[in-house]
Amino acid sequence: MPDRRQLFTDRLELRAMHPGDAADLFPIFGDPDGYWYSPHDVHGGVEVTRAFCERAYSRWGTDNLSYWTARRREDGRVIGAGGAQKHRSGTCWNLFYRLDLAEQGHGYATELGHAGIAAAHEVDAALPVIAWIVPINEPSIRVARRLGLTDQGLRLDLNDGVERLVYADRDLAPDELRPL
């Protein structure tokens, strides 16, 4: 199986998220303006971001895929994170994209999302790729649509018990996201 720990897109270098990335990612994950749709998800300190990075890093060893730290190829600057990681329920890939506010609106989330979907399909195409989106997060919904994902309605995210819109790469049965 190919190593996906480092990939290049047209404008991004994607490297497997590592705990050492926490200092670069905290300004993005800790920015309350970036979480206007879900204020309780703001990282309260770099240690929260480090723990997030550690969890993502560990998933590379178990699932052959997880989240990347995204850098602009032109200057190496960290501008965000994302990719696909197996959902804790084991029933789908969770598609994630988070960018520095200054970098939003330039198509980077779509570029990152396409890479995540392609990698998830290579690792296990039997699992649907899902973007779980808070209904008021219109910018994320627009990205999901640009990625070709379709609205499957509100579903209970078994990861945290929150109801979110599910955008998926295929049609889902009403009970498809139950734990294995």
Foldseek 3Di string as FASTA:
>chain_A
DDQPQWDDDPWKIWHQQALVCLVLALVQQQDQVQVVVPNVRRDPDSVSSSVVSVVQNVQCVVQVDGKTQIATPVPRRGFWMWAWGQAPLNQAIETDTTGRPVPPPPCPSLRRRLRRVVVCCVRPVVHKYKYFAAVVPVVVVVSLVVNVWQWQQWDQRPNPRDITIITINDHDDPPRSGHD
